[in-house]
């Protein structure tokens, strides 16, 4: 059985390999950048899902698995470029890199971290690579309804009307579903034969 560090190294290697495979101009600078801001060591949240060191990277890779799997099941693979599946899945939560601080009681939000979620991810990504309009839309609306009320009861990154229009694109709605399901059901899929198979560790978690 692999150690936690071996699993973390395997996930990191797989993510880097997938990003390089897109051949998108700018990844030569983006990959060192995401490593420098803590992408591979950050949790995915403070307590809700992936709240452990490396949780963000693992969550992102598992979203890639789910998104690819369901695009294939729904016969939609031809409607989404392979590189877009990789870029959206692996980088949609780049905003969370460095967003949390580990304390004795667990993880807490880093007050020095820039506020924002999907829009922040897009800004960070586009410092180094260009996104297509489809990729930008998928990432922007990946939180679904939650993104419309994320920062308060009345304030989010977009309104419900904008979300409804975006989700007329079935691909946008599907990506949100994959992200949401992975975050709520961490053992939703663990087939080692999957294209983007994620390393399993002790007790099925890190």
C-alpha atoms as a PDB file:
ATOM      1  CA  UNK A   1       0.000   0.000   0.000  1.00  0.00           C
ATOM      2  CA  UNK A   2       1.359   3.399  -0.960  1.00  0.00           C
ATOM      3  CA  UNK A   3       2.205   6.020   1.625  1.00  0.00           C
ATOM      4  CA  UNK A   4       0.506   9.393   1.755  1.00  0.00           C
ATOM      5  CA  UNK A   5       3.591  11.038   0.276  1.00  0.00           C
ATOM      6  CA  UNK A   6       3.789   8.511  -2.546  1.00  0.00           C
ATOM      7  CA  UNK A   7       0.147   9.185  -3.380  1.00  0.00           C
ATOM      8  CA  UNK A   8       0.705  12.938  -3.243  1.00  0.00           C
ATOM      9  CA  UNK A   9       3.724  12.628  -5.545  1.00  0.00           C
ATOM     10  CA  UNK A  10       1.760  10.439  -7.950  1.00  0.00           C
ATOM     11  CA  UNK A  11      -1.137  12.906  -8.093  1.00  0.00           C
ATOM     12  CA  UNK A  12       1.260  15.801  -8.654  1.00  0.00           C
ATOM     13  CA  UNK A  13       3.035  13.928 -11.445  1.00  0.00           C
ATOM     14  CA  UNK A  14      -0.249  13.008 -13.123  1.00  0.00           C
ATOM     15  CA  UNK A  15      -1.579  16.569 -12.964  1.00  0.00           C
ATOM     16  CA  UNK A  16       1.603  18.032 -14.422  1.00  0.00           C
ATOM     17  CA  UNK A  17       1.619  15.395 -17.169  1.00  0.00           C
ATOM     18  CA  UNK A  18      -1.990  16.164 -18.074  1.00  0.00           C
ATOM     19  CA  UNK A  19      -1.412  19.925 -18.126  1.00  0.00           C
ATOM     20  CA  UNK A  20       1.651  19.563 -20.354  1.00  0.00           C
ATOM     21  CA  UNK A  21      -0.304  17.258 -22.680  1.00  0.00           C
ATOM     22  CA  UNK A  22      -2.625  20.147 -23.615  1.00  0.00           C
ATOM     23  CA  UNK A  23       0.318  21.864 -25.328  1.00  0.00           C
ATOM     24  CA  UNK A  24      -1.290  25.198 -24.452  1.00  0.00           C
ATOM     25  CA  UNK A  25       1.190  28.042 -24.743  1.00  0.00           C
ATOM     26  CA  UNK A  26       2.221  29.360 -21.340  1.00  0.00           C
ATOM     27  CA  UNK A  27       2.178  26.178 -19.269  1.00  0.00           C
ATOM     28  CA  UNK A  28       5.947  26.366 -18.987  1.00  0.00           C
ATOM     29  CA  UNK A  29       5.373  29.306 -16.627  1.00  0.00           C
ATOM     30  CA  UNK A  30       1.977  28.333 -15.213  1.00  0.00           C
ATOM     31  CA  UNK A  31       3.074  24.994 -13.753  1.00  0.00           C
ATOM     32  CA  UNK A  32       5.937  26.456 -11.650  1.00  0.00           C
ATOM     33  CA  UNK A  33       3.545  29.254 -10.643  1.00  0.00           C
ATOM     34  CA  UNK A  34       0.790  26.978  -9.313  1.00  0.00           C
ATOM     35  CA  UNK A  35       3.395  24.989  -7.397  1.00  0.00           C
ATOM     36  CA  UNK A  36       4.825  28.177  -5.878  1.00  0.00           C
ATOM     37  CA  UNK A  37       1.431  29.307  -4.538  1.00  0.00           C
ATOM     38  CA  UNK A  38       0.683  25.945  -2.920  1.00  0.00           C
ATOM     39  CA  UNK A  39      -1.626  24.214  -5.384  1.00  0.00           C
ATOM     40  CA  UNK A  40      -0.251  20.753  -4.628  1.00  0.00           C
ATOM     41  CA  UNK A  41      -0.251  21.137  -0.840  1.00  0.00           C
ATOM     42  CA  UNK A  42      -3.412  23.184  -0.182  1.00  0.00           C
ATOM     43  CA  UNK A  43      -6.636  21.662   1.129  1.00  0.00           C
ATOM     44  CA  UNK A  44      -9.800  21.941  -0.951  1.00  0.00           C
ATOM     45  CA  UNK A  45     -11.708  23.539   1.940  1.00  0.00           C
ATOM     46  CA  UNK A  46     -11.466  24.224   5.658  1.00  0.00           C
ATOM     47  CA  UNK A  47     -13.844  21.414   6.672  1.00  0.00           C
ATOM     48  CA  UNK A  48     -16.321  20.468   3.960  1.00  0.00           C
ATOM     49  CA  UNK A  49     -14.321  18.355   1.520  1.00  0.00           C
ATOM     50  CA  UNK A  50     -10.679  17.603   0.908  1.00  0.00           C
ATOM     51  CA  UNK A  51      -9.769  19.372   4.153  1.00  0.00           C
ATOM     52  CA  UNK A  52      -6.265  17.924   4.317  1.00  0.00           C
ATOM     53  CA  UNK A  53      -2.879  18.732   2.827  1.00  0.00           C
ATOM     54  CA  UNK A  54      -3.056  17.940  -0.884  1.00  0.00           C
ATOM     55  CA  UNK A  55      -6.867  17.904  -0.910  1.00  0.00           C
ATOM     56  CA  UNK A  56      -7.122  20.563  -3.615  1.00  0.00           C
ATOM     57  CA  UNK A  57      -4.986  18.653  -6.107  1.00  0.00           C
ATOM     58  CA  UNK A  58      -6.761  15.384  -5.392  1.00  0.00           C
ATOM     59  CA  UNK A  59     -10.208  16.967  -5.737  1.00  0.00           C
ATOM     60  CA  UNK A  60      -9.226  18.577  -9.035  1.00  0.00           C
ATOM     61  CA  UNK A  61      -7.942  15.336 -10.507  1.00  0.00           C
ATOM     62  CA  UNK A  62     -11.067  13.466  -9.410  1.00  0.00           C
ATOM     63  CA  UNK A  63     -13.234  16.123 -11.094  1.00  0.00           C
ATOM     64  CA  UNK A  64     -11.270  15.459 -14.283  1.00  0.00           C
ATOM     65  CA  UNK A  65     -12.157  11.775 -13.950  1.00  0.00           C
ATOM     66  CA  UNK A  66     -15.845  12.432 -13.402  1.00  0.00           C
ATOM     67  CA  UNK A  67     -16.144  15.054 -16.126  1.00  0.00           C
ATOM     68  CA  UNK A  68     -14.402  12.867 -18.700  1.00  0.00           C
ATOM     69  CA  UNK A  69     -16.405   9.817 -17.645  1.00  0.00           C
ATOM     70  CA  UNK A  70     -19.789  11.509 -17.919  1.00  0.00           C
ATOM     71  CA  UNK A  71     -18.977  13.317 -21.144  1.00  0.00           C
ATOM     72  CA  UNK A  72     -18.284   9.886 -22.585  1.00  0.00           C
ATOM     73  CA  UNK A  73     -21.445   8.342 -21.107  1.00  0.00           C
ATOM     74  CA  UNK A  74     -23.582  11.170 -22.478  1.00  0.00           C
ATOM     75  CA  UNK A  75     -21.828  11.052 -25.853  1.00  0.00           C
ATOM     76  CA  UNK A  76     -20.583  14.619 -25.447  1.00  0.00           C
ATOM     77  CA  UNK A  77     -16.828  14.039 -25.706  1.00  0.00           C
ATOM     78  CA  UNK A  78     -16.761  15.394 -29.240  1.00  0.00           C
ATOM     79  CA  UNK A  79     -18.284  18.655 -28.004  1.00  0.00           C
ATOM     80  CA  UNK A  80     -15.500  19.477 -25.551  1.00  0.00           C
ATOM     81  CA  UNK A  81     -11.837  19.628 -26.603  1.00  0.00           C
ATOM     82  CA  UNK A  82      -9.615  17.258 -24.640  1.00  0.00           C
ATOM     83  CA  UNK A  83      -7.440  20.125 -23.430  1.00  0.00           C
ATOM     84  CA  UNK A  84     -10.506  21.969 -22.124  1.00  0.00           C
ATOM     85  CA  UNK A  85     -11.514  18.970 -20.000  1.00  0.00           C
ATOM     86  CA  UNK A  86      -8.064  19.006 -18.427  1.00  0.00           C
ATOM     87  CA  UNK A  87      -7.729  22.762 -17.978  1.00  0.00           C
ATOM     88  CA  UNK A  88     -11.198  23.321 -16.498  1.00  0.00           C
ATOM     89  CA  UNK A  89     -11.034  20.320 -14.183  1.00  0.00           C
ATOM     90  CA  UNK A  90      -7.539  20.839 -12.860  1.00  0.00           C
ATOM     91  CA  UNK A  91      -7.596  24.625 -12.564  1.00  0.00           C
ATOM     92  CA  UNK A  92     -11.188  25.612 -11.743  1.00  0.00           C
ATOM     93  CA  UNK A  93     -10.298  25.947  -8.042  1.00  0.00           C
ATOM     94  CA  UNK A  94      -6.861  27.506  -8.475  1.00  0.00           C
ATOM     95  CA  UNK A  95      -8.201  30.347  -6.315  1.00  0.00           C
ATOM     96  CA  UNK A  96      -7.907  28.009  -3.312  1.00  0.00           C
ATOM     97  CA  UNK A  97      -4.139  27.585  -3.598  1.00  0.00           C
ATOM     98  CA  UNK A  98      -2.746  29.265  -0.503  1.00  0.00           C
ATOM     99  CA  UNK A  99      -6.222  30.256   0.680  1.00  0.00           C
ATOM    100  CA  UNK A 100      -6.120  28.309   3.951  1.00  0.00           C
ATOM    101  CA  UNK A 101      -3.780  28.275   6.931  1.00  0.00           C
ATOM    102  CA  UNK A 102      -3.224  25.172   9.028  1.00  0.00           C
ATOM    103  CA  UNK A 103      -3.733  25.635  12.778  1.00  0.00           C
ATOM    104  CA  UNK A 104      -3.921  23.302  15.762  1.00  0.00           C
ATOM    105  CA  UNK A 105      -7.675  23.155  15.295  1.00  0.00           C
ATOM    106  CA  UNK A 106      -7.574  22.466  11.561  1.00  0.00           C
ATOM    107  CA  UNK A 107      -7.592  24.838   8.611  1.00  0.00           C
ATOM    108  CA  UNK A 108      -8.709  28.467   8.660  1.00  0.00           C
ATOM    109  CA  UNK A 109      -9.192  30.968   5.869  1.00  0.00           C
ATOM    110  CA  UNK A 110      -6.112  33.065   5.135  1.00  0.00           C
ATOM    111  CA  UNK A 111      -7.295  36.652   5.582  1.00  0.00           C
ATOM    112  CA  UNK A 112      -4.401  37.881   3.457  1.00  0.00           C
ATOM    113  CA  UNK A 113      -5.587  35.842   0.490  1.00  0.00           C
ATOM    114  CA  UNK A 114      -7.388  37.723  -2.317  1.00  0.00           C
ATOM    115  CA  UNK A 115     -11.167  37.409  -2.107  1.00  0.00           C
ATOM    116  CA  UNK A 116     -12.901  35.623  -4.928  1.00  0.00           C
ATOM    117  CA  UNK A 117     -13.580  32.189  -6.262  1.00  0.00           C
ATOM    118  CA  UNK A 118     -14.212  31.361  -9.907  1.00  0.00           C
ATOM    119  CA  UNK A 119     -13.357  34.828 -11.164  1.00  0.00           C
ATOM    120  CA  UNK A 120     -10.153  34.773  -9.137  1.00  0.00           C
ATOM    121  CA  UNK A 121      -9.254  31.393 -10.635  1.00  0.00           C
ATOM    122  CA  UNK A 122      -9.746  32.813 -14.113  1.00  0.00           C
ATOM    123  CA  UNK A 123      -7.556  35.838 -13.354  1.00  0.00           C
ATOM    124  CA  UNK A 124      -4.780  33.649 -11.961  1.00  0.00           C
ATOM    125  CA  UNK A 125      -4.911  31.252 -14.909  1.00  0.00           C
ATOM    126  CA  UNK A 126      -4.943  34.012 -17.498  1.00  0.00           C
ATOM    127  CA  UNK A 127      -1.778  35.515 -16.081  1.00  0.00           C
ATOM    128  CA  UNK A 128      -0.019  32.708 -17.913  1.00  0.00           C
ATOM    129  CA  UNK A 129      -2.279  31.053 -20.512  1.00  0.00           C
ATOM    130  CA  UNK A 130      -5.217  32.078 -22.658  1.00  0.00           C
ATOM    131  CA  UNK A 131      -8.562  30.439 -21.965  1.00  0.00           C
ATOM    132  CA  UNK A 132     -11.158  29.754 -24.602  1.00  0.00           C
ATOM    133  CA  UNK A 133     -14.625  31.225 -24.148  1.00  0.00           C
ATOM    134  CA  UNK A 134     -15.969  27.757 -23.295  1.00  0.00           C
ATOM    135  CA  UNK A 135     -13.293  27.226 -20.639  1.00  0.00           C
ATOM    136  CA  UNK A 136     -13.906  30.646 -19.141  1.00  0.00           C
ATOM    137  CA  UNK A 137     -17.653  29.989 -18.954  1.00  0.00           C
ATOM    138  CA  UNK A 138     -17.285  26.523 -17.419  1.00  0.00           C
ATOM    139  CA  UNK A 139     -14.913  27.801 -14.741  1.00  0.00           C
ATOM    140  CA  UNK A 140     -16.910  30.960 -14.003  1.00  0.00           C
ATOM    141  CA  UNK A 141     -20.148  29.066 -13.358  1.00  0.00           C
ATOM    142  CA  UNK A 142     -18.751  25.868 -11.849  1.00  0.00           C
ATOM    143  CA  UNK A 143     -20.240  26.702  -8.435  1.00  0.00           C
ATOM    144  CA  UNK A 144     -23.776  26.806  -9.809  1.00  0.00           C
ATOM    145  CA  UNK A 145     -26.257  28.436  -7.426  1.00  0.00           C
ATOM    146  CA  UNK A 146     -23.644  28.637  -4.665  1.00  0.00           C
ATOM    147  CA  UNK A 147     -21.638  31.093  -6.748  1.00  0.00           C
ATOM    148  CA  UNK A 148     -24.508  33.559  -6.703  1.00  0.00           C
ATOM    149  CA  UNK A 149     -24.579  33.795  -2.899  1.00  0.00           C
ATOM    150  CA  UNK A 150     -21.047  32.785  -1.963  1.00  0.00           C
ATOM    151  CA  UNK A 151     -19.921  35.906  -0.138  1.00  0.00           C
ATOM    152  CA  UNK A 152     -23.195  36.831   1.549  1.00  0.00           C
ATOM    153  CA  UNK A 153     -26.922  36.157   1.339  1.00  0.00           C
ATOM    154  CA  UNK A 154     -27.241  38.845  -1.309  1.00  0.00           C
ATOM    155  CA  UNK A 155     -23.881  38.894  -3.055  1.00  0.00           C
ATOM    156  CA  UNK A 156     -22.086  36.448  -5.270  1.00  0.00           C
ATOM    157  CA  UNK A 157     -19.957  36.406  -8.401  1.00  0.00           C
ATOM    158  CA  UNK A 158     -22.965  36.426 -10.731  1.00  0.00           C
ATOM    159  CA  UNK A 159     -26.723  36.654 -10.668  1.00  0.00           C
ATOM    160  CA  UNK A 160     -29.235  33.866 -11.123  1.00  0.00           C
ATOM    161  CA  UNK A 161     -30.256  35.189 -14.531  1.00  0.00           C
ATOM    162  CA  UNK A 162     -26.670  34.952 -15.767  1.00  0.00           C
ATOM    163  CA  UNK A 163     -26.368  31.468 -14.291  1.00  0.00           C
ATOM    164  CA  UNK A 164     -29.574  30.330 -15.989  1.00  0.00           C
ATOM    165  CA  UNK A 165     -28.296  31.565 -19.346  1.00  0.00           C
ATOM    166  CA  UNK A 166     -24.910  29.894 -18.854  1.00  0.00           C
ATOM    167  CA  UNK A 167     -26.493  26.598 -17.851  1.00  0.00           C
ATOM    168  CA  UNK A 168     -28.414  26.476 -21.089  1.00  0.00           C
ATOM    169  CA  UNK A 169     -25.091  25.037 -22.217  1.00  0.00           C
ATOM    170  CA  UNK A 170     -25.372  21.437 -21.034  1.00  0.00           C
ATOM    171  CA  UNK A 171     -21.603  21.179 -20.653  1.00  0.00           C
ATOM    172  CA  UNK A 172     -21.579  23.991 -18.077  1.00  0.00           C
ATOM    173  CA  UNK A 173     -24.299  22.304 -16.039  1.00  0.00           C
ATOM    174  CA  UNK A 174     -22.549  18.933 -16.262  1.00  0.00           C
ATOM    175  CA  UNK A 175     -19.253  20.331 -15.020  1.00  0.00           C
ATOM    176  CA  UNK A 176     -20.976  21.919 -12.027  1.00  0.00           C
ATOM    177  CA  UNK A 177     -22.616  18.577 -11.253  1.00  0.00           C
ATOM    178  CA  UNK A 178     -19.293  16.717 -11.429  1.00  0.00           C
ATOM    179  CA  UNK A 179     -17.591  19.246  -9.160  1.00  0.00           C
ATOM    180  CA  UNK A 180     -20.489  19.225  -6.706  1.00  0.00           C
ATOM    181  CA  UNK A 181     -20.809  15.445  -6.594  1.00  0.00           C
ATOM    182  CA  UNK A 182     -17.076  14.925  -6.096  1.00  0.00           C
ATOM    183  CA  UNK A 183     -17.037  17.366  -3.209  1.00  0.00           C
ATOM    184  CA  UNK A 184     -20.010  15.703  -1.503  1.00  0.00           C
ATOM    185  CA  UNK A 185     -19.249  12.053  -2.256  1.00  0.00           C
ATOM    186  CA  UNK A 186     -15.504  11.521  -2.160  1.00  0.00           C
ATOM    187  CA  UNK A 187     -15.835   7.799  -2.877  1.00  0.00           C
ATOM    188  CA  UNK A 188     -18.168   8.306  -5.836  1.00  0.00           C
ATOM    189  CA  UNK A 189     -15.704   6.635  -8.180  1.00  0.00           C
ATOM    190  CA  UNK A 190     -12.539   4.749  -7.451  1.00  0.00           C
ATOM    191  CA  UNK A 191     -12.059   2.531 -10.459  1.00  0.00           C
ATOM    192  CA  UNK A 192      -8.286   2.159 -11.003  1.00  0.00           C
ATOM    193  CA  UNK A 193      -8.951   1.551 -14.666  1.00  0.00           C
ATOM    194  CA  UNK A 194     -10.221   5.059 -15.306  1.00  0.00           C
ATOM    195  CA  UNK A 195      -8.262   7.261 -17.668  1.00  0.00           C
ATOM    196  CA  UNK A 196      -7.297   9.700 -14.931  1.00  0.00           C
ATOM    197  CA  UNK A 197      -7.105   7.103 -12.145  1.00  0.00           C
ATOM    198  CA  UNK A 198      -6.428   8.705  -8.774  1.00  0.00           C
ATOM    199  CA  UNK A 199      -4.021   7.098  -6.326  1.00  0.00           C
ATOM    200  CA  UNK A 200      -5.716   5.524  -3.321  1.00  0.00           C
ATOM    201  CA  UNK A 201      -4.190   5.661   0.133  1.00  0.00           C
ATOM    202  CA  UNK A 202      -4.779   4.284   3.614  1.00  0.00           C
ATOM    203  CA  UNK A 203      -8.496   4.210   4.475  1.00  0.00           C
ATOM    204  CA  UNK A 204      -9.237   5.619   1.015  1.00  0.00           C
ATOM    205  CA  UNK A 205      -8.135   9.105   1.994  1.00  0.00           C
ATOM    206  CA  UNK A 206      -5.105  11.189   2.837  1.00  0.00           C
END
